[in-house]
C-alpha atoms as a PDB file:
ATOM      1  CA  MET A   1       3.414  10.453 -12.484  1.00  0.00           C
ATOM      2  CA  SER A   2       6.457   8.153 -12.553  1.00  0.00           C
ATOM      3  CA  ASN A   3       7.509   6.025  -9.599  1.00  0.00           C
ATOM      4  CA  LYS A   4      10.530   8.265  -9.089  1.00  0.00           C
ATOM      5  CA  GLU A   5       8.299  11.348  -9.010  1.00  0.00           C
ATOM      6  CA  ILE A   6       5.985   9.674  -6.507  1.00  0.00           C
ATOM      7  CA  VAL A   7       8.910   8.911  -4.177  1.00  0.00           C
ATOM      8  CA  ALA A   8      10.311  12.426  -4.591  1.00  0.00           C
ATOM      9  CA  ASP A   9       6.911  13.890  -3.659  1.00  0.00           C
ATOM     10  CA  LEU A  10       6.661  11.553  -0.684  1.00  0.00           C
ATOM     11  CA  LEU A  11      10.124  12.568   0.536  1.00  0.00           C
ATOM     12  CA  GLN A  12       9.094  16.233   0.396  1.00  0.00           C
ATOM     13  CA  ARG A  13       6.157  15.522   2.711  1.00  0.00           C
ATOM     14  CA  ILE A  14       7.946  13.310   5.266  1.00  0.00           C
ATOM     15  CA  PRO A  15       9.305  15.151   8.321  1.00  0.00           C
ATOM     16  CA  GLU A  16      13.068  15.724   8.497  1.00  0.00           C
ATOM     17  CA  THR A  17      13.168  13.643  11.672  1.00  0.00           C
ATOM     18  CA  ALA A  18      11.814  10.508   9.955  1.00  0.00           C
ATOM     19  CA  SER A  19      14.057   7.460  10.246  1.00  0.00           C
ATOM     20  CA  LEU A  20      15.088   5.375   7.253  1.00  0.00           C
ATOM     21  CA  HIS A  21      12.739   2.696   8.554  1.00  0.00           C
ATOM     22  CA  ASP A  22       9.833   5.192   8.600  1.00  0.00           C
ATOM     23  CA  ILE A  23      10.646   6.280   5.051  1.00  0.00           C
ATOM     24  CA  ALA A  24      10.841   2.667   3.855  1.00  0.00           C
ATOM     25  CA  GLN A  25       7.457   1.910   5.444  1.00  0.00           C
ATOM     26  CA  GLU A  26       5.876   4.901   3.709  1.00  0.00           C
ATOM     27  CA  ILE A  27       7.284   3.826   0.341  1.00  0.00           C
ATOM     28  CA  GLU A  28       6.045   0.254   0.895  1.00  0.00           C
ATOM     29  CA  PHE A  29       2.578   1.552   1.783  1.00  0.00           C
ATOM     30  CA  VAL A  30       2.353   3.715  -1.339  1.00  0.00           C
ATOM     31  CA  ALA A  31       3.619   0.817  -3.482  1.00  0.00           C
ATOM     32  CA  ALA A  32       1.012  -1.547  -2.020  1.00  0.00           C
ATOM     33  CA  VAL A  33      -1.822   0.930  -2.593  1.00  0.00           C
ATOM     34  CA  ARG A  34      -0.728   1.548  -6.186  1.00  0.00           C
ATOM     35  CA  GLN A  35      -0.467  -2.203  -6.790  1.00  0.00           C
ATOM     36  CA  GLY A  36      -3.974  -2.703  -5.393  1.00  0.00           C
ATOM     37  CA  ILE A  37      -5.412   0.021  -7.597  1.00  0.00           C
ATOM     38  CA  SER A  38      -3.647  -1.482 -10.599  1.00  0.00           C
ATOM     39  CA  GLU A  39      -5.106  -4.924  -9.814  1.00  0.00           C
ATOM     40  CA  LEU A  40      -8.594  -3.429  -9.493  1.00  0.00           C
ATOM     41  CA  ASP A  41      -8.160  -1.658 -12.838  1.00  0.00           C
ATOM     42  CA  ARG A  42      -7.337  -5.053 -14.406  1.00  0.00           C
ATOM     43  CA  GLY A  43     -10.438  -6.601 -12.825  1.00  0.00           C
ATOM     44  CA  GLU A  44      -8.420  -8.715 -10.391  1.00  0.00           C
ATOM     45  CA  SER A  45     -10.615  -8.155  -7.357  1.00  0.00           C
ATOM     46  CA  ILE A  46     -11.872 -10.627  -4.762  1.00  0.00           C
ATOM     47  CA  PRO A  47     -15.614 -10.754  -4.056  1.00  0.00           C
ATOM     48  CA  ILE A  48     -16.505  -9.420  -0.601  1.00  0.00           C
ATOM     49  CA  GLU A  49     -18.200 -12.709   0.250  1.00  0.00           C
ATOM     50  CA  LYS A  50     -14.909 -14.562  -0.147  1.00  0.00           C
ATOM     51  CA  VAL A  51     -13.078 -12.006   2.001  1.00  0.00           C
ATOM     52  CA  GLU A  52     -15.740 -12.246   4.699  1.00  0.00           C
ATOM     53  CA  ALA A  53     -15.472 -16.059   4.665  1.00  0.00           C
ATOM     54  CA  GLU A  54     -11.664 -15.963   5.025  1.00  0.00           C
ATOM     55  CA  LEU A  55     -11.502 -13.105   7.527  1.00  0.00           C
ATOM     56  CA  PRO A  56     -11.815 -15.262  10.672  1.00  0.00           C
ATOM     57  CA  SER A  57      -8.664 -17.177   9.667  1.00  0.00           C
ATOM     58  CA  TRP A  58      -6.706 -13.898   9.525  1.00  0.00           C
ATOM     59  CA  VAL A  59      -7.398 -13.006  13.159  1.00  0.00           C
ATOM     60  CA  ILE A  60      -4.849 -14.187  15.709  1.00  0.00           C
ATOM     61  CA  LYS A  61      -6.382 -15.049  19.060  1.00  0.00           C
END
């Protein structure tokens, strides 16, 4: 499925009342997920141990 087809499908599923901001957020989410899957397919993952070690620095207190 091409990127254009993915966006067209997404637009069909978004409610008519969705704002442009809502639509942009949905497109960004789909793009990020597809990028992540692509990175995983290329073997560009981060070991869970490294994520767990860095996680505390991501939390804002």
